Amino acid sequence: MNLRTRVMIIGGVVGALLGVSAAYLYLRSTPVELDEDGREQLPAVQTGKALTAGLGVLTVLKQITGLGQS
């Protein structure tokens, strides 16, 4: 297995673990509501908070790409 394949696999596994961790933390911090049929549903995410989180992710990605440039 060449270097690029190993890096892609490791990055995918780390990304999946981070995604599951983020979902777990989100579910722990957000109250679950019941709709009229008795099914669980999450409240709508505010646009400002979603935009802030998205910009934070882009900032982290930019910092990661800067690691290889010295």
PDB file of N, CA and C in Angstrom:
ATOM      1  N   MET A   1       0.845  -1.164   0.000  1.00  0.00           N
ATOM      2  CA  MET A   1       0.000   0.000   0.000  1.00  0.00           C
ATOM      3  C   MET A   1       0.896   1.234   0.000  1.00  0.00           C
ATOM      4  N   ASN A   2       0.614   2.166  -0.904  1.00  0.00           N
ATOM      5  CA  ASN A   2       1.480   3.333  -0.989  1.00  0.00           C
ATOM      6  C   ASN A   2       1.094   4.403   0.042  1.00  0.00           C
ATOM      7  N   LEU A   3       1.911   5.417   0.143  1.00  0.00           N
ATOM      8  CA  LEU A   3       1.758   6.449   1.169  1.00  0.00           C
ATOM      9  C   LEU A   3       0.432   7.191   1.043  1.00  0.00           C
ATOM     10  N   ARG A   4       0.060   7.572  -0.171  1.00  0.00           N
ATOM     11  CA  ARG A   4      -1.178   8.323  -0.364  1.00  0.00           C
ATOM     12  C   ARG A   4      -2.400   7.535   0.091  1.00  0.00           C
ATOM     13  N   THR A   5      -2.422   6.251  -0.207  1.00  0.00           N
ATOM     14  CA  THR A   5      -3.547   5.410   0.204  1.00  0.00           C
ATOM     15  C   THR A   5      -3.626   5.322   1.722  1.00  0.00           C
ATOM     16  N   ARG A   6      -2.480   5.132   2.369  1.00  0.00           N
ATOM     17  CA  ARG A   6      -2.464   5.059   3.840  1.00  0.00           C
ATOM     18  C   ARG A   6      -2.946   6.357   4.465  1.00  0.00           C
ATOM     19  N   VAL A   7      -2.481   7.492   3.935  1.00  0.00           N
ATOM     20  CA  VAL A   7      -2.886   8.789   4.476  1.00  0.00           C
ATOM     21  C   VAL A   7      -4.383   9.001   4.281  1.00  0.00           C
ATOM     22  N   MET A   8      -4.922   8.628   3.123  1.00  0.00           N
ATOM     23  CA  MET A   8      -6.355   8.774   2.868  1.00  0.00           C
ATOM     24  C   MET A   8      -7.177   7.891   3.801  1.00  0.00           C
ATOM     25  N   ILE A   9      -6.738   6.674   4.045  1.00  0.00           N
ATOM     26  CA  ILE A   9      -7.469   5.771   4.942  1.00  0.00           C
ATOM     27  C   ILE A   9      -7.429   6.298   6.373  1.00  0.00           C
ATOM     28  N   ILE A  10      -6.264   6.707   6.824  1.00  0.00           N
ATOM     29  CA  ILE A  10      -6.145   7.245   8.183  1.00  0.00           C
ATOM     30  C   ILE A  10      -6.995   8.516   8.330  1.00  0.00           C
ATOM     31  N   GLY A  11      -6.941   9.378   7.343  1.00  0.00           N
ATOM     32  CA  GLY A  11      -7.755  10.601   7.388  1.00  0.00           C
ATOM     33  C   GLY A  11      -9.237  10.298   7.407  1.00  0.00           C
ATOM     34  N   GLY A  12      -9.671   9.297   6.641  1.00  0.00           N
ATOM     35  CA  GLY A  12     -11.077   8.915   6.638  1.00  0.00           C
ATOM     36  C   GLY A  12     -11.532   8.365   7.970  1.00  0.00           C
ATOM     37  N   VAL A  13     -10.698   7.535   8.586  1.00  0.00           N
ATOM     38  CA  VAL A  13     -11.048   6.962   9.892  1.00  0.00           C
ATOM     39  C   VAL A  13     -11.094   8.060  10.955  1.00  0.00           C
ATOM     40  N   VAL A  14     -10.096   8.941  10.959  1.00  0.00           N
ATOM     41  CA  VAL A  14     -10.079  10.031  11.941  1.00  0.00           C
ATOM     42  C   VAL A  14     -11.280  10.948  11.723  1.00  0.00           C
ATOM     43  N   GLY A  15     -11.600  11.258  10.475  1.00  0.00           N
ATOM     44  CA  GLY A  15     -12.754  12.104  10.176  1.00  0.00           C
ATOM     45  C   GLY A  15     -14.064  11.469  10.623  1.00  0.00           C
ATOM     46  N   ALA A  16     -14.193  10.160  10.413  1.00  0.00           N
ATOM     47  CA  ALA A  16     -15.405   9.460  10.845  1.00  0.00           C
ATOM     48  C   ALA A  16     -15.528   9.483  12.368  1.00  0.00           C
ATOM     49  N   LEU A  17     -14.421   9.259  13.068  1.00  0.00           N
ATOM     50  CA  LEU A  17     -14.453   9.289  14.529  1.00  0.00           C
ATOM     51  C   LEU A  17     -14.802  10.682  15.052  1.00  0.00           C
ATOM     52  N   LEU A  18     -14.249  11.711  14.420  1.00  0.00           N
ATOM     53  CA  LEU A  18     -14.582  13.077  14.824  1.00  0.00           C
ATOM     54  C   LEU A  18     -16.048  13.399  14.549  1.00  0.00           C
ATOM     55  N   GLY A  19     -16.558  12.922  13.425  1.00  0.00           N
ATOM     56  CA  GLY A  19     -17.957  13.155  13.096  1.00  0.00           C
ATOM     57  C   GLY A  19     -18.905  12.481  14.072  1.00  0.00           C
ATOM     58  N   VAL A  20     -18.616  11.235  14.432  1.00  0.00           N
ATOM     59  CA  VAL A  20     -19.442  10.525  15.405  1.00  0.00           C
ATOM     60  C   VAL A  20     -19.356  11.197  16.772  1.00  0.00           C
ATOM     61  N   SER A  21     -18.169  11.645  17.146  1.00  0.00           N
ATOM     62  CA  SER A  21     -18.008  12.345  18.421  1.00  0.00           C
ATOM     63  C   SER A  21     -18.798  13.654  18.432  1.00  0.00           C
ATOM     64  N   ALA A  22     -18.761  14.397  17.348  1.00  0.00           N
ATOM     65  CA  ALA A  22     -19.506  15.651  17.258  1.00  0.00           C
ATOM     66  C   ALA A  22     -21.010  15.397  17.331  1.00  0.00           C
ATOM     67  N   ALA A  23     -21.482  14.350  16.658  1.00  0.00           N
ATOM     68  CA  ALA A  23     -22.905  14.013  16.709  1.00  0.00           C
ATOM     69  C   ALA A  23     -23.317  13.617  18.123  1.00  0.00           C
ATOM     70  N   TYR A  24     -22.478  12.841  18.808  1.00  0.00           N
ATOM     71  CA  TYR A  24     -22.764  12.428  20.180  1.00  0.00           C
ATOM     72  C   TYR A  24     -22.871  13.646  21.100  1.00  0.00           C
ATOM     73  N   LEU A  25     -21.908  14.560  20.989  1.00  0.00           N
ATOM     74  CA  LEU A  25     -21.932  15.762  21.825  1.00  0.00           C
ATOM     75  C   LEU A  25     -23.140  16.637  21.508  1.00  0.00           C
ATOM     76  N   TYR A  26     -23.495  16.722  20.236  1.00  0.00           N
ATOM     77  CA  TYR A  26     -24.670  17.508  19.838  1.00  0.00           C
ATOM     78  C   TYR A  26     -25.943  16.914  20.433  1.00  0.00           C
ATOM     79  N   LEU A  27     -26.074  15.597  20.361  1.00  0.00           N
ATOM     80  CA  LEU A  27     -27.268  14.947  20.907  1.00  0.00           C
ATOM     81  C   LEU A  27     -27.340  15.086  22.426  1.00  0.00           C
ATOM     82  N   ARG A  28     -26.197  15.084  23.090  1.00  0.00           N
ATOM     83  CA  ARG A  28     -26.201  15.247  24.549  1.00  0.00           C
ATOM     84  C   ARG A  28     -26.589  16.660  24.964  1.00  0.00           C
ATOM     85  N   SER A  29     -26.284  17.654  24.142  1.00  0.00           N
ATOM     86  CA  SER A  29     -26.521  19.040  24.525  1.00  0.00           C
ATOM     87  C   SER A  29     -27.854  19.595  24.020  1.00  0.00           C
ATOM     88  N   THR A  30     -28.549  18.858  23.160  1.00  0.00           N
ATOM     89  CA  THR A  30     -29.783  19.349  22.558  1.00  0.00           C
ATOM     90  C   THR A  30     -30.974  18.543  23.070  1.00  0.00           C
ATOM     91  N   PRO A  31     -32.018  19.224  23.531  1.00  0.00           N
ATOM     92  CA  PRO A  31     -33.199  18.479  23.979  1.00  0.00           C
ATOM     93  C   PRO A  31     -33.942  17.860  22.788  1.00  0.00           C
ATOM     94  N   VAL A  32     -34.339  16.607  22.939  1.00  0.00           N
ATOM     95  CA  VAL A  32     -35.085  15.909  21.890  1.00  0.00           C
ATOM     96  C   VAL A  32     -36.564  16.175  22.116  1.00  0.00           C
ATOM     97  N   GLU A  33     -37.266  16.568  21.055  1.00  0.00           N
ATOM     98  CA  GLU A  33     -38.692  16.870  21.146  1.00  0.00           C
ATOM     99  C   GLU A  33     -39.489  15.743  20.497  1.00  0.00           C
ATOM    100  N   LEU A  34     -40.747  15.628  20.877  1.00  0.00           N
ATOM    101  CA  LEU A  34     -41.645  14.647  20.271  1.00  0.00           C
ATOM    102  C   LEU A  34     -42.644  15.379  19.388  1.00  0.00           C
ATOM    103  N   ASP A  35     -42.874  14.857  18.167  1.00  0.00           N
ATOM    104  CA  ASP A  35     -43.880  15.455  17.304  1.00  0.00           C
ATOM    105  C   ASP A  35     -45.245  14.858  17.637  1.00  0.00           C
ATOM    106  N   GLU A  36     -46.274  15.234  16.885  1.00  0.00           N
ATOM    107  CA  GLU A  36     -47.634  14.787  17.192  1.00  0.00           C
ATOM    108  C   GLU A  36     -47.826  13.278  17.020  1.00  0.00           C
ATOM    109  N   ASP A  37     -46.948  12.619  16.253  1.00  0.00           N
ATOM    110  CA  ASP A  37     -47.033  11.165  16.080  1.00  0.00           C
ATOM    111  C   ASP A  37     -46.220  10.408  17.126  1.00  0.00           C
ATOM    112  N   GLY A  38     -45.533  11.119  18.009  1.00  0.00           N
ATOM    113  CA  GLY A  38     -44.739  10.487  19.049  1.00  0.00           C
ATOM    114  C   GLY A  38     -43.320  10.149  18.629  1.00  0.00           C
ATOM    115  N   ARG A  39     -42.892  10.606  17.448  1.00  0.00           N
ATOM    116  CA  ARG A  39     -41.523  10.356  16.980  1.00  0.00           C
ATOM    117  C   ARG A  39     -40.583  11.437  17.511  1.00  0.00           C
ATOM    118  N   GLU A  40     -39.359  11.013  17.790  1.00  0.00           N
ATOM    119  CA  GLU A  40     -38.363  11.971  18.263  1.00  0.00           C
ATOM    120  C   GLU A  40     -37.901  12.859  17.112  1.00  0.00           C
ATOM    121  N   GLN A  41     -37.656  14.125  17.435  1.00  0.00           N
ATOM    122  CA  GLN A  41     -37.119  15.046  16.435  1.00  0.00           C
ATOM    123  C   GLN A  41     -36.297  16.111  17.133  1.00  0.00           C
ATOM    124  N   LEU A  42     -35.268  16.577  16.437  1.00  0.00           N
ATOM    125  CA  LEU A  42     -34.401  17.621  16.971  1.00  0.00           C
ATOM    126  C   LEU A  42     -34.935  18.983  16.568  1.00  0.00           C
ATOM    127  N   PRO A  43     -34.728  19.990  17.409  1.00  0.00           N
ATOM    128  CA  PRO A  43     -35.146  21.332  17.013  1.00  0.00           C
ATOM    129  C   PRO A  43     -34.290  21.844  15.858  1.00  0.00           C
ATOM    130  N   ALA A  44     -34.828  22.795  15.116  1.00  0.00           N
ATOM    131  CA  ALA A  44     -34.105  23.359  13.975  1.00  0.00           C
ATOM    132  C   ALA A  44     -32.852  24.093  14.460  1.00  0.00           C
ATOM    133  N   VAL A  45     -31.786  23.976  13.686  1.00  0.00           N
ATOM    134  CA  VAL A  45     -30.525  24.659  14.014  1.00  0.00           C
ATOM    135  C   VAL A  45     -30.624  26.098  13.508  1.00  0.00           C
ATOM    136  N   GLN A  46     -30.213  27.036  14.346  1.00  0.00           N
ATOM    137  CA  GLN A  46     -30.238  28.436  13.945  1.00  0.00           C
ATOM    138  C   GLN A  46     -29.192  28.689  12.862  1.00  0.00           C
ATOM    139  N   THR A  47     -29.537  29.515  11.904  1.00  0.00           N
ATOM    140  CA  THR A  47     -28.659  29.787  10.769  1.00  0.00           C
ATOM    141  C   THR A  47     -27.319  30.368  11.204  1.00  0.00           C
ATOM    142  N   GLY A  48     -27.335  31.268  12.134  1.00  0.00           N
ATOM    143  CA  GLY A  48     -26.093  31.895  12.606  1.00  0.00           C
ATOM    144  C   GLY A  48     -25.145  30.894  13.244  1.00  0.00           C
ATOM    145  N   LYS A  49     -25.698  29.972  14.026  1.00  0.00           N
ATOM    146  CA  LYS A  49     -24.858  28.966  14.666  1.00  0.00           C
ATOM    147  C   LYS A  49     -24.292  27.992  13.633  1.00  0.00           C
ATOM    148  N   ALA A  50     -25.093  27.627  12.637  1.00  0.00           N
ATOM    149  CA  ALA A  50     -24.604  26.732  11.585  1.00  0.00           C
ATOM    150  C   ALA A  50     -23.499  27.404  10.778  1.00  0.00           C
ATOM    151  N   LEU A  51     -23.672  28.681  10.488  1.00  0.00           N
ATOM    152  CA  LEU A  51     -22.658  29.431   9.743  1.00  0.00           C
ATOM    153  C   LEU A  51     -21.367  29.539  10.549  1.00  0.00           C
ATOM    154  N   THR A  52     -21.482  29.789  11.843  1.00  0.00           N
ATOM    155  CA  THR A  52     -20.304  29.870  12.709  1.00  0.00           C
ATOM    156  C   THR A  52     -19.556  28.540  12.736  1.00  0.00           C
ATOM    157  N   ALA A  53     -20.291  27.437  12.859  1.00  0.00           N
ATOM    158  CA  ALA A  53     -19.656  26.117  12.883  1.00  0.00           C
ATOM    159  C   ALA A  53     -18.990  25.815  11.546  1.00  0.00           C
ATOM    160  N   GLY A  54     -19.644  26.165  10.439  1.00  0.00           N
ATOM    161  CA  GLY A  54     -19.064  25.929   9.118  1.00  0.00           C
ATOM    162  C   GLY A  54     -17.783  26.713   8.904  1.00  0.00           C
ATOM    163  N   LEU A  55     -17.770  27.961   9.332  1.00  0.00           N
ATOM    164  CA  LEU A  55     -16.555  28.768   9.201  1.00  0.00           C
ATOM    165  C   LEU A  55     -15.441  28.231  10.089  1.00  0.00           C
ATOM    166  N   GLY A  56     -15.802  27.690  11.238  1.00  0.00           N
ATOM    167  CA  GLY A  56     -14.802  27.078  12.111  1.00  0.00           C
ATOM    168  C   GLY A  56     -14.164  25.865  11.456  1.00  0.00           C
ATOM    169  N   VAL A  57     -14.972  25.045  10.792  1.00  0.00           N
ATOM    170  CA  VAL A  57     -14.440  23.875  10.084  1.00  0.00           C
ATOM    171  C   VAL A  57     -13.514  24.311   8.956  1.00  0.00           C
ATOM    172  N   LEU A  58     -13.916  25.338   8.208  1.00  0.00           N
ATOM    173  CA  LEU A  58     -13.056  25.832   7.125  1.00  0.00           C
ATOM    174  C   LEU A  58     -11.735  26.377   7.662  1.00  0.00           C
ATOM    175  N   THR A  59     -11.775  27.024   8.814  1.00  0.00           N
ATOM    176  CA  THR A  59     -10.548  27.537   9.426  1.00  0.00           C
ATOM    177  C   THR A  59      -9.611  26.397   9.798  1.00  0.00           C
ATOM    178  N   VAL A  60     -10.163  25.331  10.373  1.00  0.00           N
ATOM    179  CA  VAL A  60      -9.339  24.172  10.732  1.00  0.00           C
ATOM    180  C   VAL A  60      -8.733  23.543   9.478  1.00  0.00           C
ATOM    181  N   LEU A  61      -9.511  23.402   8.411  1.00  0.00           N
ATOM    182  CA  LEU A  61      -8.991  22.823   7.169  1.00  0.00           C
ATOM    183  C   LEU A  61      -7.868  23.687   6.586  1.00  0.00           C
ATOM    184  N   LYS A  62      -8.029  25.006   6.674  1.00  0.00           N
ATOM    185  CA  LYS A  62      -6.979  25.900   6.173  1.00  0.00           C
ATOM    186  C   LYS A  62      -5.700  25.735   6.994  1.00  0.00           C
ATOM    187  N   GLN A  63      -5.840  25.571   8.295  1.00  0.00           N
ATOM    188  CA  GLN A  63      -4.669  25.371   9.146  1.00  0.00           C
ATOM    189  C   GLN A  63      -3.995  24.029   8.855  1.00  0.00           C
ATOM    190  N   ILE A  64      -4.786  23.010   8.566  1.00  0.00           N
ATOM    191  CA  ILE A  64      -4.217  21.705   8.232  1.00  0.00           C
ATOM    192  C   ILE A  64      -3.428  21.777   6.931  1.00  0.00           C
ATOM    193  N   THR A  65      -3.952  22.463   5.934  1.00  0.00           N
ATOM    194  CA  THR A  65      -3.228  22.581   4.670  1.00  0.00           C
ATOM    195  C   THR A  65      -1.951  23.400   4.850  1.00  0.00           C
ATOM    196  N   GLY A  66      -1.922  24.292   5.826  1.00  0.00           N
ATOM    197  CA  GLY A  66      -0.733  25.088   6.094  1.00  0.00           C
ATOM    198  C   GLY A  66       0.363  24.307   6.802  1.00  0.00           C
ATOM    199  N   LEU A  67       0.028  23.135   7.359  1.00  0.00           N
ATOM    200  CA  LEU A  67       1.035  22.343   8.050  1.00  0.00           C
ATOM    201  C   LEU A  67       2.139  21.876   7.116  1.00  0.00           C
ATOM    202  N   GLY A  68       1.789  21.578   5.884  1.00  0.00           N
ATOM    203  CA  GLY A  68       2.774  21.064   4.939  1.00  0.00           C
ATOM    204  C   GLY A  68       3.646  22.141   4.320  1.00  0.00           C
ATOM    205  N   GLN A  69       3.295  23.393   4.534  1.00  0.00           N
ATOM    206  CA  GLN A  69       4.055  24.496   3.944  1.00  0.00           C
ATOM    207  C   GLN A  69       4.907  25.148   5.016  1.00  0.00           C
ATOM    208  N   SER A  70       6.199  25.005   4.904  1.00  0.00           N
ATOM    209  CA  SER A  70       7.088  25.612   5.911  1.00  0.00           C
ATOM    210  C   SER A  70       8.159  26.420   5.241  1.00  0.00           C
TER     211      SER A  70
END
